[in-house]
């Protein structure tokens, strides 16, 4: 594969879907998916537990044997800011009930004590990066976190009531069940992965036309998996 000219891009869309906490498979439903584009400051960081280093040396400080264990990937932390907070998205990511007015419009959320466990979510980020020929034009890189759990969003910017900060932490999920993903539009087939092959993050170049996502912001249907 040709070298990528500039790997850093901009995340244009994020897409979410509720997943089963045990299998990691998407849960079909009319309001179990979501697309949002008003996001910024999207970052993801690997959290590593460094392998233990062992050194055997003499009293004269001569090293006779040393060993460095491999580092372990514990999880990823995903952060992003949502511009102009969306109550439906907050409901999807946190299970906090919506408040509706007399006309049936969603106007807020309730932070209730009965929601004692936050849901597991698949998150897809669609990032535009320059083409591999370093010419005009872009390709789409899809970054997938198959299974993560978000914290209750916070507004940590004084005077900026229309910005919410989200943070999620991943859990390893079997890649064999990802296949074409929750929305059946992935060009990559993960179904040949071994049953015990688990991943915190998937990343690949996609042929998806981002204009098919544009205009779909809000609740979307997670389809029933094809037989």
C-alpha atoms as a PDB file:
ATOM      1  CA  UNK A   1       0.000   0.000   0.000  1.00  0.00           C
ATOM      2  CA  UNK A   2       1.237   3.481  -0.848  1.00  0.00           C
ATOM      3  CA  UNK A   3       2.332   5.697   1.983  1.00  0.00           C
ATOM      4  CA  UNK A   4      -0.344   8.011   3.312  1.00  0.00           C
ATOM      5  CA  UNK A   5       0.545  11.635   2.660  1.00  0.00           C
ATOM      6  CA  UNK A   6      -0.884  13.099   5.883  1.00  0.00           C
ATOM      7  CA  UNK A   7      -2.474  10.624   8.294  1.00  0.00           C
ATOM      8  CA  UNK A   8      -4.037  13.289  10.501  1.00  0.00           C
ATOM      9  CA  UNK A   9      -7.516  14.216   9.356  1.00  0.00           C
ATOM     10  CA  UNK A  10     -10.752  15.620  10.677  1.00  0.00           C
ATOM     11  CA  UNK A  11     -13.608  13.593  12.094  1.00  0.00           C
ATOM     12  CA  UNK A  12     -16.676  14.570  10.105  1.00  0.00           C
ATOM     13  CA  UNK A  13     -19.244  12.164  11.551  1.00  0.00           C
ATOM     14  CA  UNK A  14     -19.657   9.903  14.554  1.00  0.00           C
ATOM     15  CA  UNK A  15     -22.129   7.026  14.596  1.00  0.00           C
ATOM     16  CA  UNK A  16     -23.298   5.054  17.613  1.00  0.00           C
ATOM     17  CA  UNK A  17     -25.240   1.858  18.251  1.00  0.00           C
ATOM     18  CA  UNK A  18     -26.300   0.031  21.390  1.00  0.00           C
ATOM     19  CA  UNK A  19     -24.663  -3.385  21.784  1.00  0.00           C
ATOM     20  CA  UNK A  20     -25.319  -6.470  23.869  1.00  0.00           C
ATOM     21  CA  UNK A  21     -23.093  -6.360  26.985  1.00  0.00           C
ATOM     22  CA  UNK A  22     -22.202 -10.054  26.697  1.00  0.00           C
ATOM     23  CA  UNK A  23     -21.795 -10.705  22.961  1.00  0.00           C
ATOM     24  CA  UNK A  24     -20.943  -7.202  21.741  1.00  0.00           C
ATOM     25  CA  UNK A  25     -23.492  -7.636  18.929  1.00  0.00           C
ATOM     26  CA  UNK A  26     -25.606  -4.650  17.900  1.00  0.00           C
ATOM     27  CA  UNK A  27     -29.143  -4.529  19.307  1.00  0.00           C
ATOM     28  CA  UNK A  28     -31.665  -3.939  16.481  1.00  0.00           C
ATOM     29  CA  UNK A  29     -34.172  -1.152  16.993  1.00  0.00           C
ATOM     30  CA  UNK A  30     -35.629   2.050  15.590  1.00  0.00           C
ATOM     31  CA  UNK A  31     -33.871   4.302  18.129  1.00  0.00           C
ATOM     32  CA  UNK A  32     -30.799   2.226  18.941  1.00  0.00           C
ATOM     33  CA  UNK A  33     -28.509   4.094  16.538  1.00  0.00           C
ATOM     34  CA  UNK A  34     -27.440   7.692  16.167  1.00  0.00           C
ATOM     35  CA  UNK A  35     -25.469   9.934  13.782  1.00  0.00           C
ATOM     36  CA  UNK A  36     -23.965  13.254  14.845  1.00  0.00           C
ATOM     37  CA  UNK A  37     -21.687  15.705  13.049  1.00  0.00           C
ATOM     38  CA  UNK A  38     -21.464  18.688  15.418  1.00  0.00           C
ATOM     39  CA  UNK A  39     -18.448  17.366  17.301  1.00  0.00           C
ATOM     40  CA  UNK A  40     -14.908  18.590  17.842  1.00  0.00           C
ATOM     41  CA  UNK A  41     -11.708  17.912  19.814  1.00  0.00           C
ATOM     42  CA  UNK A  42     -12.011  14.177  19.184  1.00  0.00           C
ATOM     43  CA  UNK A  43      -9.128  12.243  20.774  1.00  0.00           C
ATOM     44  CA  UNK A  44      -8.455   8.634  21.693  1.00  0.00           C
ATOM     45  CA  UNK A  45      -5.603   7.475  23.900  1.00  0.00           C
ATOM     46  CA  UNK A  46      -4.150   4.027  24.566  1.00  0.00           C
ATOM     47  CA  UNK A  47      -3.903   3.172  28.246  1.00  0.00           C
ATOM     48  CA  UNK A  48      -0.931   0.866  28.698  1.00  0.00           C
ATOM     49  CA  UNK A  49       0.324  -1.165  31.636  1.00  0.00           C
ATOM     50  CA  UNK A  50       4.067  -1.324  31.190  1.00  0.00           C
ATOM     51  CA  UNK A  51       5.682  -4.740  31.420  1.00  0.00           C
ATOM     52  CA  UNK A  52       7.879  -5.404  34.416  1.00  0.00           C
ATOM     53  CA  UNK A  53      11.614  -5.141  33.864  1.00  0.00           C
ATOM     54  CA  UNK A  54      13.876  -7.605  35.691  1.00  0.00           C
ATOM     55  CA  UNK A  55      17.650  -7.174  35.998  1.00  0.00           C
ATOM     56  CA  UNK A  56      20.076  -9.558  37.719  1.00  0.00           C
ATOM     57  CA  UNK A  57      23.454  -8.067  38.521  1.00  0.00           C
ATOM     58  CA  UNK A  58      26.431  -8.773  40.712  1.00  0.00           C
ATOM     59  CA  UNK A  59      27.654  -6.726  43.654  1.00  0.00           C
ATOM     60  CA  UNK A  60      29.995  -5.040  41.193  1.00  0.00           C
ATOM     61  CA  UNK A  61      26.969  -3.953  39.149  1.00  0.00           C
ATOM     62  CA  UNK A  62      27.707  -6.275  36.261  1.00  0.00           C
ATOM     63  CA  UNK A  63      24.467  -7.178  34.499  1.00  0.00           C
ATOM     64  CA  UNK A  64      24.222 -10.940  34.116  1.00  0.00           C
ATOM     65  CA  UNK A  65      20.624 -11.239  32.921  1.00  0.00           C
ATOM     66  CA  UNK A  66      17.736  -8.927  32.120  1.00  0.00           C
ATOM     67  CA  UNK A  67      14.231  -9.299  30.809  1.00  0.00           C
ATOM     68  CA  UNK A  68      11.535  -6.865  29.766  1.00  0.00           C
ATOM     69  CA  UNK A  69       7.963  -8.174  29.733  1.00  0.00           C
ATOM     70  CA  UNK A  70       5.614  -6.959  27.018  1.00  0.00           C
ATOM     71  CA  UNK A  71       3.334  -4.018  27.664  1.00  0.00           C
ATOM     72  CA  UNK A  72      -0.388  -4.758  27.967  1.00  0.00           C
ATOM     73  CA  UNK A  73      -3.127  -2.674  26.363  1.00  0.00           C
ATOM     74  CA  UNK A  74      -5.667  -2.074  29.117  1.00  0.00           C
ATOM     75  CA  UNK A  75      -8.184   0.070  27.219  1.00  0.00           C
ATOM     76  CA  UNK A  76      -8.740   3.216  25.175  1.00  0.00           C
ATOM     77  CA  UNK A  77     -10.181   6.485  26.413  1.00  0.00           C
ATOM     78  CA  UNK A  78     -12.267   8.342  23.826  1.00  0.00           C
ATOM     79  CA  UNK A  79     -13.026  12.035  24.300  1.00  0.00           C
ATOM     80  CA  UNK A  80     -15.046  14.478  22.242  1.00  0.00           C
ATOM     81  CA  UNK A  81     -17.126  17.622  22.616  1.00  0.00           C
ATOM     82  CA  UNK A  82     -20.702  17.847  21.405  1.00  0.00           C
ATOM     83  CA  UNK A  83     -21.676  21.287  20.102  1.00  0.00           C
ATOM     84  CA  UNK A  84     -25.284  22.248  20.752  1.00  0.00           C
ATOM     85  CA  UNK A  85     -26.210  19.383  23.119  1.00  0.00           C
ATOM     86  CA  UNK A  86     -28.658  16.808  21.859  1.00  0.00           C
ATOM     87  CA  UNK A  87     -30.896  15.219  24.474  1.00  0.00           C
ATOM     88  CA  UNK A  88     -31.615  12.155  22.322  1.00  0.00           C
ATOM     89  CA  UNK A  89     -27.900  11.373  22.008  1.00  0.00           C
ATOM     90  CA  UNK A  90     -27.426  11.806  25.756  1.00  0.00           C
ATOM     91  CA  UNK A  91     -30.293   9.346  26.281  1.00  0.00           C
ATOM     92  CA  UNK A  92     -28.693   6.821  23.936  1.00  0.00           C
ATOM     93  CA  UNK A  93     -25.245   7.014  25.560  1.00  0.00           C
ATOM     94  CA  UNK A  94     -26.360   7.153  29.178  1.00  0.00           C
ATOM     95  CA  UNK A  95     -29.933   5.711  29.327  1.00  0.00           C
ATOM     96  CA  UNK A  96     -31.132   8.840  31.130  1.00  0.00           C
ATOM     97  CA  UNK A  97     -34.887   9.206  30.423  1.00  0.00           C
ATOM     98  CA  UNK A  98     -36.072  11.984  28.154  1.00  0.00           C
ATOM     99  CA  UNK A  99     -38.438  14.756  29.230  1.00  0.00           C
ATOM    100  CA  UNK A 100     -41.065  15.624  26.631  1.00  0.00           C
ATOM    101  CA  UNK A 101     -43.439  18.576  26.434  1.00  0.00           C
ATOM    102  CA  UNK A 102     -47.147  18.553  25.674  1.00  0.00           C
ATOM    103  CA  UNK A 103     -46.440  18.431  21.952  1.00  0.00           C
ATOM    104  CA  UNK A 104     -44.248  15.355  22.192  1.00  0.00           C
ATOM    105  CA  UNK A 105     -40.939  17.176  21.656  1.00  0.00           C
ATOM    106  CA  UNK A 106     -37.903  16.146  23.689  1.00  0.00           C
ATOM    107  CA  UNK A 107     -36.887  19.131  25.816  1.00  0.00           C
ATOM    108  CA  UNK A 108     -34.599  17.635  28.477  1.00  0.00           C
ATOM    109  CA  UNK A 109     -33.358  14.620  30.402  1.00  0.00           C
ATOM    110  CA  UNK A 110     -33.755  13.245  33.916  1.00  0.00           C
ATOM    111  CA  UNK A 111     -30.733  12.146  35.942  1.00  0.00           C
ATOM    112  CA  UNK A 112     -32.375   9.323  37.877  1.00  0.00           C
ATOM    113  CA  UNK A 113     -31.002   6.878  40.423  1.00  0.00           C
ATOM    114  CA  UNK A 114     -32.727   3.859  38.872  1.00  0.00           C
ATOM    115  CA  UNK A 115     -30.250   3.801  35.967  1.00  0.00           C
ATOM    116  CA  UNK A 116     -27.481   1.989  37.802  1.00  0.00           C
ATOM    117  CA  UNK A 117     -25.420   0.757  34.854  1.00  0.00           C
ATOM    118  CA  UNK A 118     -24.516   2.724  31.740  1.00  0.00           C
ATOM    119  CA  UNK A 119     -25.089   0.975  28.389  1.00  0.00           C
ATOM    120  CA  UNK A 120     -22.422  -0.480  26.099  1.00  0.00           C
ATOM    121  CA  UNK A 121     -22.058   1.350  22.800  1.00  0.00           C
ATOM    122  CA  UNK A 122     -20.313   0.751  19.476  1.00  0.00           C
ATOM    123  CA  UNK A 123     -18.785   3.998  18.223  1.00  0.00           C
ATOM    124  CA  UNK A 124     -17.652   4.673  14.655  1.00  0.00           C
ATOM    125  CA  UNK A 125     -15.691   7.767  13.689  1.00  0.00           C
ATOM    126  CA  UNK A 126     -15.472   8.780  10.030  1.00  0.00           C
ATOM    127  CA  UNK A 127     -12.284  10.738   9.426  1.00  0.00           C
ATOM    128  CA  UNK A 128     -11.287  12.450   6.188  1.00  0.00           C
ATOM    129  CA  UNK A 129      -7.599  12.143   5.298  1.00  0.00           C
ATOM    130  CA  UNK A 130      -5.729  13.199   2.138  1.00  0.00           C
ATOM    131  CA  UNK A 131      -5.547  10.577  -0.603  1.00  0.00           C
ATOM    132  CA  UNK A 132      -2.542   8.239  -0.739  1.00  0.00           C
ATOM    133  CA  UNK A 133      -1.266  10.006  -3.865  1.00  0.00           C
ATOM    134  CA  UNK A 134      -0.801  13.289  -1.942  1.00  0.00           C
ATOM    135  CA  UNK A 135      -3.079  14.966  -4.454  1.00  0.00           C
ATOM    136  CA  UNK A 136      -6.331  16.823  -4.099  1.00  0.00           C
ATOM    137  CA  UNK A 137      -9.130  14.701  -2.767  1.00  0.00           C
ATOM    138  CA  UNK A 138      -9.725  12.695   0.359  1.00  0.00           C
ATOM    139  CA  UNK A 139     -10.263   9.172   1.557  1.00  0.00           C
ATOM    140  CA  UNK A 140     -12.359   8.060   4.481  1.00  0.00           C
ATOM    141  CA  UNK A 141     -10.765   6.293   7.416  1.00  0.00           C
ATOM    142  CA  UNK A 142     -13.172   4.545   9.751  1.00  0.00           C
ATOM    143  CA  UNK A 143     -12.123   4.171  13.379  1.00  0.00           C
ATOM    144  CA  UNK A 144     -14.307   1.727  15.290  1.00  0.00           C
ATOM    145  CA  UNK A 145     -14.484   1.163  19.023  1.00  0.00           C
ATOM    146  CA  UNK A 146     -16.592  -2.021  19.116  1.00  0.00           C
ATOM    147  CA  UNK A 147     -17.590  -1.749  22.768  1.00  0.00           C
ATOM    148  CA  UNK A 148     -17.258   1.179  25.130  1.00  0.00           C
ATOM    149  CA  UNK A 149     -19.136   2.822  27.966  1.00  0.00           C
ATOM    150  CA  UNK A 150     -19.570   6.578  28.274  1.00  0.00           C
ATOM    151  CA  UNK A 151     -19.637   8.572  31.459  1.00  0.00           C
ATOM    152  CA  UNK A 152     -22.435  11.038  32.143  1.00  0.00           C
ATOM    153  CA  UNK A 153     -21.459  14.080  30.004  1.00  0.00           C
ATOM    154  CA  UNK A 154     -20.178  17.196  31.719  1.00  0.00           C
ATOM    155  CA  UNK A 155     -20.187  20.873  30.903  1.00  0.00           C
ATOM    156  CA  UNK A 156     -16.747  21.969  32.061  1.00  0.00           C
ATOM    157  CA  UNK A 157     -16.580  25.269  30.204  1.00  0.00           C
ATOM    158  CA  UNK A 158     -17.983  28.156  32.177  1.00  0.00           C
ATOM    159  CA  UNK A 159     -20.419  30.172  30.109  1.00  0.00           C
ATOM    160  CA  UNK A 160     -20.532  27.576  27.306  1.00  0.00           C
ATOM    161  CA  UNK A 161     -23.866  25.900  28.004  1.00  0.00           C
ATOM    162  CA  UNK A 162     -24.114  24.623  24.422  1.00  0.00           C
ATOM    163  CA  UNK A 163     -21.014  22.412  24.697  1.00  0.00           C
ATOM    164  CA  UNK A 164     -20.877  19.045  26.470  1.00  0.00           C
ATOM    165  CA  UNK A 165     -17.759  16.922  27.015  1.00  0.00           C
ATOM    166  CA  UNK A 166     -18.077  13.161  26.586  1.00  0.00           C
ATOM    167  CA  UNK A 167     -15.626  10.492  27.702  1.00  0.00           C
ATOM    168  CA  UNK A 168     -15.852   6.750  27.078  1.00  0.00           C
ATOM    169  CA  UNK A 169     -13.707   3.770  28.057  1.00  0.00           C
ATOM    170  CA  UNK A 170     -13.411   0.635  25.930  1.00  0.00           C
ATOM    171  CA  UNK A 171     -13.755  -3.019  26.798  1.00  0.00           C
ATOM    172  CA  UNK A 172     -12.305  -5.786  24.586  1.00  0.00           C
ATOM    173  CA  UNK A 173     -14.880  -7.212  22.203  1.00  0.00           C
ATOM    174  CA  UNK A 174     -14.688 -10.280  19.920  1.00  0.00           C
ATOM    175  CA  UNK A 175     -14.039  -9.134  16.353  1.00  0.00           C
ATOM    176  CA  UNK A 176     -15.598 -12.263  14.846  1.00  0.00           C
ATOM    177  CA  UNK A 177     -19.059 -10.873  15.591  1.00  0.00           C
ATOM    178  CA  UNK A 178     -18.432  -7.472  14.056  1.00  0.00           C
ATOM    179  CA  UNK A 179     -18.630  -8.654  10.429  1.00  0.00           C
ATOM    180  CA  UNK A 180     -20.232  -5.778   8.478  1.00  0.00           C
ATOM    181  CA  UNK A 181     -20.900  -3.792  11.620  1.00  0.00           C
ATOM    182  CA  UNK A 182     -24.162  -2.662  13.210  1.00  0.00           C
ATOM    183  CA  UNK A 183     -25.324  -0.928  10.020  1.00  0.00           C
ATOM    184  CA  UNK A 184     -24.188  -3.527   7.474  1.00  0.00           C
ATOM    185  CA  UNK A 185     -22.161  -1.067   5.418  1.00  0.00           C
ATOM    186  CA  UNK A 186     -18.568  -2.012   6.163  1.00  0.00           C
ATOM    187  CA  UNK A 187     -16.284  -3.099   3.284  1.00  0.00           C
ATOM    188  CA  UNK A 188     -14.323  -5.284   5.701  1.00  0.00           C
ATOM    189  CA  UNK A 189     -15.404  -8.748   6.805  1.00  0.00           C
ATOM    190  CA  UNK A 190     -14.242  -9.672  10.295  1.00  0.00           C
ATOM    191  CA  UNK A 191     -16.281 -12.897  10.452  1.00  0.00           C
ATOM    192  CA  UNK A 192     -13.195 -15.068   9.804  1.00  0.00           C
ATOM    193  CA  UNK A 193     -11.558 -13.900  13.043  1.00  0.00           C
ATOM    194  CA  UNK A 194     -11.121 -16.535  15.714  1.00  0.00           C
ATOM    195  CA  UNK A 195     -13.736 -16.610  18.449  1.00  0.00           C
ATOM    196  CA  UNK A 196     -11.248 -15.480  21.092  1.00  0.00           C
ATOM    197  CA  UNK A 197      -9.710 -12.660  19.011  1.00  0.00           C
ATOM    198  CA  UNK A 198     -10.698  -9.543  20.894  1.00  0.00           C
ATOM    199  CA  UNK A 199     -10.039  -5.926  20.076  1.00  0.00           C
ATOM    200  CA  UNK A 200     -10.435  -2.481  21.638  1.00  0.00           C
ATOM    201  CA  UNK A 201     -10.199  -0.631  18.312  1.00  0.00           C
ATOM    202  CA  UNK A 202     -10.511  -1.310  14.578  1.00  0.00           C
ATOM    203  CA  UNK A 203      -9.180   1.017  11.904  1.00  0.00           C
ATOM    204  CA  UNK A 204      -9.452   0.734   8.124  1.00  0.00           C
ATOM    205  CA  UNK A 205      -9.993   2.747   4.953  1.00  0.00           C
ATOM    206  CA  UNK A 206     -13.590   2.759   3.824  1.00  0.00           C
ATOM    207  CA  UNK A 207     -15.337   3.330   0.500  1.00  0.00           C
ATOM    208  CA  UNK A 208     -18.436   4.805   2.145  1.00  0.00           C
ATOM    209  CA  UNK A 209     -19.771   8.023   0.633  1.00  0.00           C
ATOM    210  CA  UNK A 210     -20.035  10.485   3.517  1.00  0.00           C
ATOM    211  CA  UNK A 211     -22.847  12.288   1.726  1.00  0.00           C
ATOM    212  CA  UNK A 212     -25.007   9.252   2.578  1.00  0.00           C
ATOM    213  CA  UNK A 213     -24.546  10.125   6.255  1.00  0.00           C
ATOM    214  CA  UNK A 214     -25.133  13.844   5.817  1.00  0.00           C
ATOM    215  CA  UNK A 215     -28.642  14.891   6.726  1.00  0.00           C
ATOM    216  CA  UNK A 216     -29.235  11.757   8.803  1.00  0.00           C
ATOM    217  CA  UNK A 217     -28.213  13.301  12.118  1.00  0.00           C
ATOM    218  CA  UNK A 218     -30.355  12.055  14.959  1.00  0.00           C
ATOM    219  CA  UNK A 219     -31.885   8.692  15.776  1.00  0.00           C
ATOM    220  CA  UNK A 220     -31.404   5.979  13.133  1.00  0.00           C
ATOM    221  CA  UNK A 221     -32.494   2.360  12.949  1.00  0.00           C
ATOM    222  CA  UNK A 222     -30.107  -0.456  13.740  1.00  0.00           C
ATOM    223  CA  UNK A 223     -31.174  -3.177  11.285  1.00  0.00           C
ATOM    224  CA  UNK A 224     -31.763  -6.799  12.175  1.00  0.00           C
ATOM    225  CA  UNK A 225     -28.622  -8.755  11.153  1.00  0.00           C
ATOM    226  CA  UNK A 226     -28.929 -10.579   7.852  1.00  0.00           C
ATOM    227  CA  UNK A 227     -29.250 -14.377   8.261  1.00  0.00           C
END
